Amino acid sequence: MLSQKLQKEILKNIENKKQTILFLNRRGYSTFVMCRECGYTVKCPNCDITLTYHMYGNKLKCHYCGYETFPAKTCPNCNSNKIKYFGTGTQKLEDEVKKIFPNASTIRMDIDTVSKKNGHEEILSKFKDENIDILIGTQMIAKGHHFPNVTLVRSSSSRYGTKYRRL
């Protein structure tokens, strides 16, 4: 999920007391769930798009209409137990960052973490004022913010490709 080169750059930032922003334009933990036996993918009954797995709450969610359900342990199509979670969202990225950099402070900002009033401002203020090492988030962190201590930004989305930039 994080290249060796990017891991080295993040570690350098942590050691130098600088901040890093990791932008991933997918929220949740896994972007879709599929049966490896028959290829069935779990889709929203309303929108016919694949549901995203959210580890926190252990739910499959439709990011269009808000439909939610619990993940099945067996395939509803063939009854196989070869269900696999694919893709990466901000929750999975956050878990990975915490494993690789256990002593670094991290904060995540996506629609799931800013649902309460003034949630955006609280997370951004905490990142800036408490000098959090790594901010992970969706497009809401991508524009209009000035953090003087941020010297590394990594973007990974289908629109922009994967790239990082040392500031």
N, C-alpha and C. Protein backbone atom coordinates (compact mmCIF):
# COMPACT_ATOMS: atom_id res chain seq x y z
N MET A 1 0.82 -1.19 0.00
CA MET A 1 0.00 0.00 0.00
C MET A 1 0.86 1.26 0.00
N LEU A 2 1.95 1.23 0.75
CA LEU A 2 2.92 2.34 0.77
C LEU A 2 4.25 1.80 0.26
N SER A 3 4.75 2.38 -0.78
CA SER A 3 6.03 1.93 -1.33
C SER A 3 7.15 2.12 -0.31
N GLN A 4 8.24 1.41 -0.53
CA GLN A 4 9.40 1.55 0.35
C GLN A 4 9.92 2.98 0.34
N LYS A 5 9.93 3.58 -0.85
CA LYS A 5 10.41 4.95 -0.97
C LYS A 5 9.52 5.91 -0.17
N LEU A 6 8.20 5.74 -0.29
CA LEU A 6 7.29 6.60 0.46
C LEU A 6 7.44 6.37 1.96
N GLN A 7 7.61 5.13 2.37
CA GLN A 7 7.81 4.83 3.80
C GLN A 7 9.06 5.54 4.33
N LYS A 8 10.11 5.54 3.54
CA LYS A 8 11.35 6.23 3.96
C LYS A 8 11.12 7.73 4.09
N GLU A 9 10.38 8.31 3.15
CA GLU A 9 10.09 9.74 3.19
C GLU A 9 9.21 10.10 4.39
N ILE A 10 8.22 9.27 4.69
CA ILE A 10 7.37 9.51 5.86
C ILE A 10 8.19 9.40 7.13
N LEU A 11 9.05 8.39 7.22
CA LEU A 11 9.90 8.22 8.39
C LEU A 11 10.83 9.42 8.57
N LYS A 12 11.38 9.92 7.47
CA LYS A 12 12.22 11.11 7.52
C LYS A 12 11.42 12.30 8.07
N ASN A 13 10.18 12.45 7.63
CA ASN A 13 9.33 13.52 8.14
C ASN A 13 9.09 13.38 9.64
N ILE A 14 8.78 12.17 10.07
CA ILE A 14 8.52 11.93 11.50
C ILE A 14 9.76 12.28 12.31
N GLU A 15 10.92 11.83 11.86
CA GLU A 15 12.17 12.11 12.57
C GLU A 15 12.48 13.59 12.63
N ASN A 16 12.11 14.33 11.57
CA ASN A 16 12.38 15.76 11.50
C ASN A 16 11.24 16.62 12.05
N LYS A 17 10.26 15.95 12.69
CA LYS A 17 9.11 16.65 13.28
C LYS A 17 8.33 17.46 12.24
N LYS A 18 8.22 16.89 11.04
CA LYS A 18 7.43 17.48 9.95
C LYS A 18 6.18 16.63 9.76
N GLN A 19 5.20 17.20 9.07
CA GLN A 19 3.92 16.52 8.88
C GLN A 19 3.76 15.99 7.46
N THR A 20 2.91 14.95 7.34
CA THR A 20 2.63 14.30 6.07
C THR A 20 1.12 14.23 5.87
N ILE A 21 0.68 14.44 4.64
CA ILE A 21 -0.72 14.25 4.28
C ILE A 21 -0.79 13.14 3.25
N LEU A 22 -1.66 12.15 3.53
CA LEU A 22 -1.90 11.05 2.60
C LEU A 22 -3.34 11.16 2.10
N PHE A 23 -3.50 11.38 0.81
CA PHE A 23 -4.80 11.58 0.19
C PHE A 23 -5.19 10.31 -0.57
N LEU A 24 -6.34 9.75 -0.20
CA LEU A 24 -6.88 8.58 -0.88
C LEU A 24 -8.36 8.83 -1.11
N ASN A 25 -8.78 8.86 -2.33
CA ASN A 25 -10.15 9.26 -2.64
C ASN A 25 -11.14 8.10 -2.52
N ARG A 26 -10.98 7.28 -1.53
CA ARG A 26 -11.90 6.18 -1.24
C ARG A 26 -12.00 6.04 0.28
N ARG A 27 -13.22 6.14 0.79
CA ARG A 27 -13.40 5.94 2.22
C ARG A 27 -13.78 4.50 2.49
N GLY A 28 -13.86 4.14 3.75
CA GLY A 28 -14.16 2.77 4.13
C GLY A 28 -12.88 1.97 4.26
N TYR A 29 -13.03 0.66 4.35
CA TYR A 29 -11.89 -0.23 4.51
C TYR A 29 -11.55 -0.93 3.19
N SER A 30 -12.54 -1.60 2.62
CA SER A 30 -12.36 -2.28 1.33
C SER A 30 -13.43 -1.79 0.37
N THR A 31 -13.05 -1.60 -0.88
CA THR A 31 -13.96 -0.97 -1.84
C THR A 31 -15.00 -1.93 -2.41
N PHE A 32 -14.78 -3.23 -2.32
CA PHE A 32 -15.81 -4.18 -2.72
C PHE A 32 -15.54 -5.55 -2.13
N VAL A 33 -16.58 -6.37 -2.10
CA VAL A 33 -16.52 -7.72 -1.55
C VAL A 33 -16.93 -8.68 -2.67
N MET A 34 -16.11 -9.74 -2.85
CA MET A 34 -16.38 -10.67 -3.94
C MET A 34 -16.16 -12.11 -3.50
N CYS A 35 -16.95 -13.00 -4.06
CA CYS A 35 -16.78 -14.43 -3.84
C CYS A 35 -15.72 -14.94 -4.81
N ARG A 36 -14.69 -15.56 -4.29
CA ARG A 36 -13.63 -16.08 -5.16
C ARG A 36 -14.02 -17.38 -5.85
N GLU A 37 -15.12 -17.97 -5.42
CA GLU A 37 -15.60 -19.20 -6.05
C GLU A 37 -16.39 -18.90 -7.33
N CYS A 38 -17.37 -18.00 -7.25
CA CYS A 38 -18.26 -17.76 -8.40
C CYS A 38 -18.16 -16.35 -8.99
N GLY A 39 -17.45 -15.43 -8.32
CA GLY A 39 -17.28 -14.07 -8.82
C GLY A 39 -18.38 -13.10 -8.43
N TYR A 40 -19.31 -13.55 -7.62
CA TYR A 40 -20.40 -12.68 -7.17
C TYR A 40 -19.84 -11.49 -6.38
N THR A 41 -20.33 -10.29 -6.66
CA THR A 41 -19.98 -9.12 -5.87
C THR A 41 -21.23 -8.60 -5.18
N VAL A 42 -21.05 -8.15 -3.95
CA VAL A 42 -22.17 -7.65 -3.16
C VAL A 42 -22.50 -6.24 -3.65
N LYS A 43 -23.75 -6.05 -4.07
CA LYS A 43 -24.17 -4.76 -4.63
C LYS A 43 -25.36 -4.19 -3.87
N CYS A 44 -25.51 -2.90 -3.97
CA CYS A 44 -26.64 -2.21 -3.37
C CYS A 44 -27.92 -2.60 -4.10
N PRO A 45 -28.96 -3.00 -3.37
CA PRO A 45 -30.21 -3.36 -4.04
C PRO A 45 -30.92 -2.15 -4.67
N ASN A 46 -30.55 -0.95 -4.24
CA ASN A 46 -31.17 0.27 -4.77
C ASN A 46 -30.40 0.85 -5.95
N CYS A 47 -29.09 0.84 -5.87
CA CYS A 47 -28.25 1.55 -6.85
C CYS A 47 -27.50 0.62 -7.80
N ASP A 48 -27.42 -0.66 -7.46
CA ASP A 48 -26.70 -1.66 -8.26
C ASP A 48 -25.21 -1.34 -8.40
N ILE A 49 -24.63 -0.73 -7.37
CA ILE A 49 -23.18 -0.54 -7.34
C ILE A 49 -22.62 -1.37 -6.19
N THR A 50 -21.33 -1.68 -6.25
CA THR A 50 -20.74 -2.51 -5.20
C THR A 50 -20.75 -1.76 -3.87
N LEU A 51 -20.98 -2.52 -2.80
CA LEU A 51 -20.98 -1.95 -1.46
C LEU A 51 -19.56 -1.90 -0.93
N THR A 52 -19.27 -0.90 -0.12
CA THR A 52 -17.96 -0.71 0.48
C THR A 52 -17.99 -1.25 1.90
N TYR A 53 -16.94 -2.01 2.26
CA TYR A 53 -16.86 -2.54 3.62
C TYR A 53 -16.26 -1.49 4.54
N HIS A 54 -16.95 -1.25 5.65
CA HIS A 54 -16.48 -0.35 6.70
C HIS A 54 -16.17 -1.20 7.92
N MET A 55 -14.90 -1.31 8.25
CA MET A 55 -14.49 -2.14 9.37
C MET A 55 -15.07 -1.62 10.68
N TYR A 56 -15.04 -0.30 10.87
CA TYR A 56 -15.59 0.28 12.08
C TYR A 56 -17.11 0.23 11.95
N GLY A 57 -17.73 -0.62 12.69
CA GLY A 57 -19.16 -0.86 12.58
C GLY A 57 -19.47 -2.17 11.87
N ASN A 58 -18.47 -2.78 11.23
CA ASN A 58 -18.61 -4.04 10.53
C ASN A 58 -19.83 -4.04 9.61
N LYS A 59 -19.85 -3.09 8.67
CA LYS A 59 -20.99 -2.96 7.77
C LYS A 59 -20.54 -2.78 6.34
N LEU A 60 -21.43 -3.18 5.43
CA LEU A 60 -21.29 -2.86 4.02
C LEU A 60 -22.19 -1.67 3.77
N LYS A 61 -21.66 -0.65 3.08
CA LYS A 61 -22.41 0.58 2.88
C LYS A 61 -22.40 1.00 1.42
N CYS A 62 -23.53 1.56 0.99
CA CYS A 62 -23.62 2.19 -0.32
C CYS A 62 -23.32 3.67 -0.11
N HIS A 63 -22.34 4.17 -0.81
CA HIS A 63 -21.95 5.57 -0.67
C HIS A 63 -22.82 6.51 -1.50
N TYR A 64 -23.81 5.95 -2.19
CA TYR A 64 -24.73 6.79 -2.97
C TYR A 64 -26.05 7.02 -2.24
N CYS A 65 -26.70 5.93 -1.81
CA CYS A 65 -28.03 6.09 -1.19
C CYS A 65 -28.03 5.88 0.32
N GLY A 66 -26.91 5.38 0.88
CA GLY A 66 -26.85 5.18 2.32
C GLY A 66 -27.29 3.81 2.81
N TYR A 67 -27.67 2.92 1.90
CA TYR A 67 -28.07 1.56 2.27
C TYR A 67 -26.95 0.90 3.06
N GLU A 68 -27.29 0.15 4.11
CA GLU A 68 -26.31 -0.57 4.93
C GLU A 68 -26.79 -1.99 5.19
N THR A 69 -25.85 -2.90 5.30
CA THR A 69 -26.14 -4.27 5.67
C THR A 69 -24.89 -4.87 6.30
N PHE A 70 -25.07 -5.98 7.00
CA PHE A 70 -23.92 -6.65 7.58
C PHE A 70 -23.31 -7.60 6.55
N PRO A 71 -21.99 -7.78 6.58
CA PRO A 71 -21.36 -8.67 5.60
C PRO A 71 -21.75 -10.13 5.86
N ALA A 72 -21.94 -10.88 4.79
CA ALA A 72 -22.26 -12.30 4.88
C ALA A 72 -20.97 -13.10 5.04
N LYS A 73 -21.05 -14.20 5.73
CA LYS A 73 -19.89 -15.07 5.88
C LYS A 73 -19.81 -16.07 4.74
N THR A 74 -20.94 -16.29 4.06
CA THR A 74 -20.96 -17.17 2.89
C THR A 74 -21.59 -16.42 1.72
N CYS A 75 -21.26 -16.85 0.53
CA CYS A 75 -21.76 -16.22 -0.68
C CYS A 75 -23.26 -16.48 -0.83
N PRO A 76 -24.05 -15.43 -1.02
CA PRO A 76 -25.48 -15.64 -1.21
C PRO A 76 -25.82 -16.29 -2.55
N ASN A 77 -24.86 -16.34 -3.46
CA ASN A 77 -25.08 -16.92 -4.78
C ASN A 77 -24.75 -18.41 -4.82
N CYS A 78 -23.60 -18.83 -4.23
CA CYS A 78 -23.16 -20.23 -4.34
C CYS A 78 -22.89 -20.89 -2.99
N ASN A 79 -23.09 -20.16 -1.90
CA ASN A 79 -22.88 -20.65 -0.52
C ASN A 79 -21.43 -20.96 -0.17
N SER A 80 -20.50 -20.52 -0.99
CA SER A 80 -19.08 -20.71 -0.70
C SER A 80 -18.67 -19.79 0.46
N ASN A 81 -17.65 -20.20 1.19
CA ASN A 81 -17.11 -19.34 2.25
C ASN A 81 -15.86 -18.59 1.76
N LYS A 82 -15.65 -18.56 0.46
CA LYS A 82 -14.47 -17.90 -0.12
C LYS A 82 -14.77 -16.44 -0.43
N ILE A 83 -15.26 -15.73 0.58
CA ILE A 83 -15.55 -14.31 0.45
C ILE A 83 -14.27 -13.53 0.71
N LYS A 84 -13.95 -12.59 -0.16
CA LYS A 84 -12.72 -11.81 0.00
C LYS A 84 -13.03 -10.32 -0.16
N TYR A 85 -12.30 -9.52 0.62
CA TYR A 85 -12.44 -8.07 0.60
C TYR A 85 -11.31 -7.49 -0.25
N PHE A 86 -11.67 -6.67 -1.23
CA PHE A 86 -10.69 -6.12 -2.17
C PHE A 86 -10.68 -4.59 -2.10
N GLY A 87 -9.59 -4.02 -2.56
CA GLY A 87 -9.49 -2.57 -2.64
C GLY A 87 -9.10 -1.95 -1.31
N THR A 88 -8.79 -0.68 -1.38
CA THR A 88 -8.30 0.05 -0.21
C THR A 88 -9.05 1.35 -0.04
N GLY A 89 -9.47 1.59 1.20
CA GLY A 89 -10.08 2.85 1.56
C GLY A 89 -9.26 3.50 2.67
N THR A 90 -9.73 4.64 3.12
CA THR A 90 -8.99 5.40 4.14
C THR A 90 -8.86 4.65 5.46
N GLN A 91 -9.84 3.82 5.81
CA GLN A 91 -9.73 3.05 7.05
C GLN A 91 -8.57 2.05 6.97
N LYS A 92 -8.45 1.35 5.83
CA LYS A 92 -7.37 0.39 5.67
C LYS A 92 -6.01 1.09 5.63
N LEU A 93 -5.96 2.23 4.94
CA LEU A 93 -4.71 3.00 4.89
C LEU A 93 -4.30 3.43 6.30
N GLU A 94 -5.26 3.88 7.09
CA GLU A 94 -4.97 4.28 8.46
C GLU A 94 -4.41 3.10 9.27
N ASP A 95 -5.00 1.92 9.14
CA ASP A 95 -4.50 0.73 9.84
C ASP A 95 -3.07 0.40 9.42
N GLU A 96 -2.82 0.46 8.11
CA GLU A 96 -1.49 0.15 7.59
C GLU A 96 -0.45 1.15 8.11
N VAL A 97 -0.79 2.43 8.10
CA VAL A 97 0.13 3.46 8.59
C VAL A 97 0.45 3.22 10.07
N LYS A 98 -0.55 2.86 10.86
CA LYS A 98 -0.34 2.61 12.28
C LYS A 98 0.55 1.39 12.52
N LYS A 99 0.46 0.38 11.64
CA LYS A 99 1.32 -0.80 11.76
C LYS A 99 2.76 -0.46 11.41
N ILE A 100 2.94 0.31 10.33
CA ILE A 100 4.29 0.63 9.86
C ILE A 100 4.96 1.66 10.77
N PHE A 101 4.18 2.63 11.26
CA PHE A 101 4.71 3.71 12.09
C PHE A 101 3.95 3.75 13.43
N PRO A 102 4.18 2.75 14.30
CA PRO A 102 3.39 2.65 15.53
C PRO A 102 3.56 3.82 16.49
N ASN A 103 4.65 4.54 16.41
CA ASN A 103 4.87 5.67 17.32
C ASN A 103 4.44 7.01 16.74
N ALA A 104 3.97 7.00 15.51
CA ALA A 104 3.53 8.24 14.88
C ALA A 104 2.08 8.52 15.26
N SER A 105 1.76 9.80 15.37
CA SER A 105 0.37 10.18 15.61
C SER A 105 -0.32 10.35 14.26
N THR A 106 -1.54 9.81 14.16
CA THR A 106 -2.29 9.90 12.91
C THR A 106 -3.70 10.38 13.20
N ILE A 107 -4.29 10.95 12.17
CA ILE A 107 -5.69 11.37 12.25
C ILE A 107 -6.29 11.17 10.86
N ARG A 108 -7.56 10.75 10.82
CA ARG A 108 -8.23 10.49 9.55
C ARG A 108 -9.37 11.47 9.38
N MET A 109 -9.51 11.97 8.14
CA MET A 109 -10.58 12.91 7.85
C MET A 109 -11.31 12.48 6.57
N ASP A 110 -12.50 11.94 6.77
CA ASP A 110 -13.39 11.61 5.66
C ASP A 110 -14.81 11.81 6.17
N ILE A 111 -15.78 11.56 5.35
CA ILE A 111 -17.17 11.83 5.74
C ILE A 111 -17.58 11.02 6.98
N ASP A 112 -16.92 9.90 7.22
CA ASP A 112 -17.23 9.06 8.38
C ASP A 112 -16.71 9.66 9.69
N THR A 113 -15.71 10.52 9.62
CA THR A 113 -15.12 11.08 10.84
C THR A 113 -15.55 12.52 11.11
N VAL A 114 -16.25 13.13 10.18
CA VAL A 114 -16.63 14.54 10.36
C VAL A 114 -18.14 14.73 10.41
N SER A 115 -18.85 13.71 10.82
CA SER A 115 -20.31 13.77 10.77
C SER A 115 -20.93 14.72 11.80
N LYS A 116 -20.23 14.97 12.91
CA LYS A 116 -20.81 15.89 13.89
C LYS A 116 -20.52 17.34 13.52
N LYS A 117 -21.28 18.24 14.10
CA LYS A 117 -21.13 19.67 13.81
C LYS A 117 -19.70 20.12 14.09
N ASN A 118 -19.15 20.89 13.19
CA ASN A 118 -17.77 21.42 13.26
C ASN A 118 -16.71 20.32 13.22
N GLY A 119 -17.07 19.15 12.74
CA GLY A 119 -16.12 18.04 12.67
C GLY A 119 -14.91 18.34 11.82
N HIS A 120 -15.11 18.99 10.66
CA HIS A 120 -14.00 19.37 9.78
C HIS A 120 -12.99 20.23 10.53
N GLU A 121 -13.51 21.28 11.13
CA GLU A 121 -12.64 22.25 11.81
C GLU A 121 -11.89 21.61 12.98
N GLU A 122 -12.56 20.74 13.71
CA GLU A 122 -11.91 20.08 14.85
C GLU A 122 -10.73 19.22 14.41
N ILE A 123 -10.93 18.45 13.34
CA ILE A 123 -9.85 17.58 12.86
C ILE A 123 -8.70 18.41 12.30
N LEU A 124 -9.00 19.41 11.49
CA LEU A 124 -7.95 20.25 10.91
C LEU A 124 -7.20 21.03 11.98
N SER A 125 -7.91 21.54 12.99
CA SER A 125 -7.26 22.25 14.09
C SER A 125 -6.36 21.31 14.89
N LYS A 126 -6.86 20.11 15.13
CA LYS A 126 -6.07 19.14 15.88
C LYS A 126 -4.79 18.78 15.11
N PHE A 127 -4.92 18.58 13.80
CA PHE A 127 -3.76 18.26 12.98
C PHE A 127 -2.72 19.37 13.07
N LYS A 128 -3.17 20.61 12.96
CA LYS A 128 -2.25 21.75 12.97
C LYS A 128 -1.73 22.06 14.37
N ASP A 129 -2.64 22.19 15.33
CA ASP A 129 -2.26 22.65 16.67
C ASP A 129 -1.51 21.61 17.49
N GLU A 130 -1.85 20.35 17.30
CA GLU A 130 -1.19 19.29 18.07
C GLU A 130 -0.04 18.65 17.30
N ASN A 131 0.24 19.20 16.12
CA ASN A 131 1.34 18.73 15.29
C ASN A 131 1.27 17.21 15.05
N ILE A 132 0.08 16.74 14.68
CA ILE A 132 -0.11 15.32 14.35
C ILE A 132 0.81 14.99 13.18
N ASP A 133 1.46 13.82 13.23
CA ASP A 133 2.43 13.45 12.20
C ASP A 133 1.80 13.22 10.82
N ILE A 134 0.67 12.50 10.78
CA ILE A 134 0.12 12.08 9.49
C ILE A 134 -1.39 12.31 9.46
N LEU A 135 -1.84 13.03 8.43
CA LEU A 135 -3.26 13.22 8.17
C LEU A 135 -3.63 12.36 6.97
N ILE A 136 -4.64 11.50 7.15
CA ILE A 136 -5.13 10.63 6.09
C ILE A 136 -6.54 11.08 5.75
N GLY A 137 -6.84 11.25 4.47
CA GLY A 137 -8.19 11.68 4.15
C GLY A 137 -8.56 11.61 2.70
N THR A 138 -9.84 11.91 2.46
CA THR A 138 -10.39 11.94 1.12
C THR A 138 -10.26 13.35 0.56
N GLN A 139 -11.00 13.64 -0.50
CA GLN A 139 -10.86 14.93 -1.20
C GLN A 139 -11.06 16.13 -0.30
N MET A 140 -11.72 15.99 0.83
CA MET A 140 -11.94 17.14 1.70
C MET A 140 -10.64 17.69 2.30
N ILE A 141 -9.55 16.94 2.22
CA ILE A 141 -8.27 17.47 2.72
C ILE A 141 -7.40 18.02 1.60
N ALA A 142 -7.89 17.92 0.36
CA ALA A 142 -7.03 18.21 -0.79
C ALA A 142 -6.88 19.68 -1.14
N LYS A 143 -7.81 20.52 -0.72
CA LYS A 143 -7.74 21.91 -1.19
C LYS A 143 -8.04 22.91 -0.08
N GLY A 144 -7.43 24.07 -0.20
CA GLY A 144 -7.80 25.20 0.63
C GLY A 144 -7.23 25.22 2.03
N HIS A 145 -6.24 24.40 2.29
CA HIS A 145 -5.66 24.37 3.64
C HIS A 145 -4.19 24.76 3.57
N HIS A 146 -3.74 25.44 4.60
CA HIS A 146 -2.33 25.80 4.67
C HIS A 146 -1.78 25.29 6.00
N PHE A 147 -0.86 24.35 5.90
CA PHE A 147 -0.19 23.80 7.07
C PHE A 147 1.30 24.00 6.88
N PRO A 148 1.88 24.97 7.57
CA PRO A 148 3.29 25.30 7.34
C PRO A 148 4.26 24.15 7.63
N ASN A 149 3.85 23.19 8.47
CA ASN A 149 4.76 22.11 8.85
C ASN A 149 4.62 20.88 7.96
N VAL A 150 3.72 20.92 6.97
CA VAL A 150 3.55 19.80 6.04
C VAL A 150 4.61 19.91 4.96
N THR A 151 5.41 18.86 4.83
CA THR A 151 6.46 18.86 3.80
C THR A 151 6.37 17.67 2.87
N LEU A 152 5.36 16.80 3.07
CA LEU A 152 5.19 15.64 2.20
C LEU A 152 3.70 15.39 2.00
N VAL A 153 3.31 15.28 0.72
CA VAL A 153 1.92 15.00 0.38
C VAL A 153 1.91 13.85 -0.61
N ARG A 154 1.06 12.87 -0.34
CA ARG A 154 0.91 11.73 -1.26
C ARG A 154 -0.53 11.69 -1.71
N SER A 155 -0.72 11.60 -3.03
CA SER A 155 -2.05 11.51 -3.62
C SER A 155 -2.19 10.17 -4.30
N SER A 156 -3.31 9.51 -4.06
CA SER A 156 -3.59 8.26 -4.73
C SER A 156 -5.08 8.20 -5.03
N SER A 157 -5.42 8.41 -6.28
CA SER A 157 -6.81 8.32 -6.70
C SER A 157 -6.85 7.88 -8.14
N SER A 158 -7.98 7.37 -8.57
CA SER A 158 -8.08 6.90 -9.94
C SER A 158 -7.92 8.05 -10.93
N ARG A 159 -8.28 9.25 -10.53
CA ARG A 159 -8.19 10.40 -11.43
C ARG A 159 -6.75 10.89 -11.59
N TYR A 160 -5.99 10.91 -10.51
CA TYR A 160 -4.66 11.52 -10.54
C TYR A 160 -3.51 10.52 -10.55
N GLY A 161 -3.79 9.25 -10.38
CA GLY A 161 -2.72 8.27 -10.28
C GLY A 161 -2.09 8.37 -8.90
N THR A 162 -1.02 7.64 -8.69
CA THR A 162 -0.36 7.68 -7.39
C THR A 162 0.92 8.47 -7.52
N LYS A 163 1.07 9.48 -6.68
CA LYS A 163 2.29 10.27 -6.69
C LYS A 163 2.49 10.91 -5.33
N TYR A 164 3.70 11.23 -5.04
CA TYR A 164 3.95 11.98 -3.82
C TYR A 164 4.85 13.14 -4.15
N ARG A 165 4.78 14.11 -3.27
CA ARG A 165 5.52 15.34 -3.53
C ARG A 165 6.15 15.82 -2.23
N ARG A 166 7.42 16.05 -2.27
CA ARG A 166 8.14 16.65 -1.15
C ARG A 166 8.00 18.15 -1.30
N LEU A 167 7.46 18.82 -0.29
CA LEU A 167 7.26 20.26 -0.35
C LEU A 167 8.47 21.03 0.15
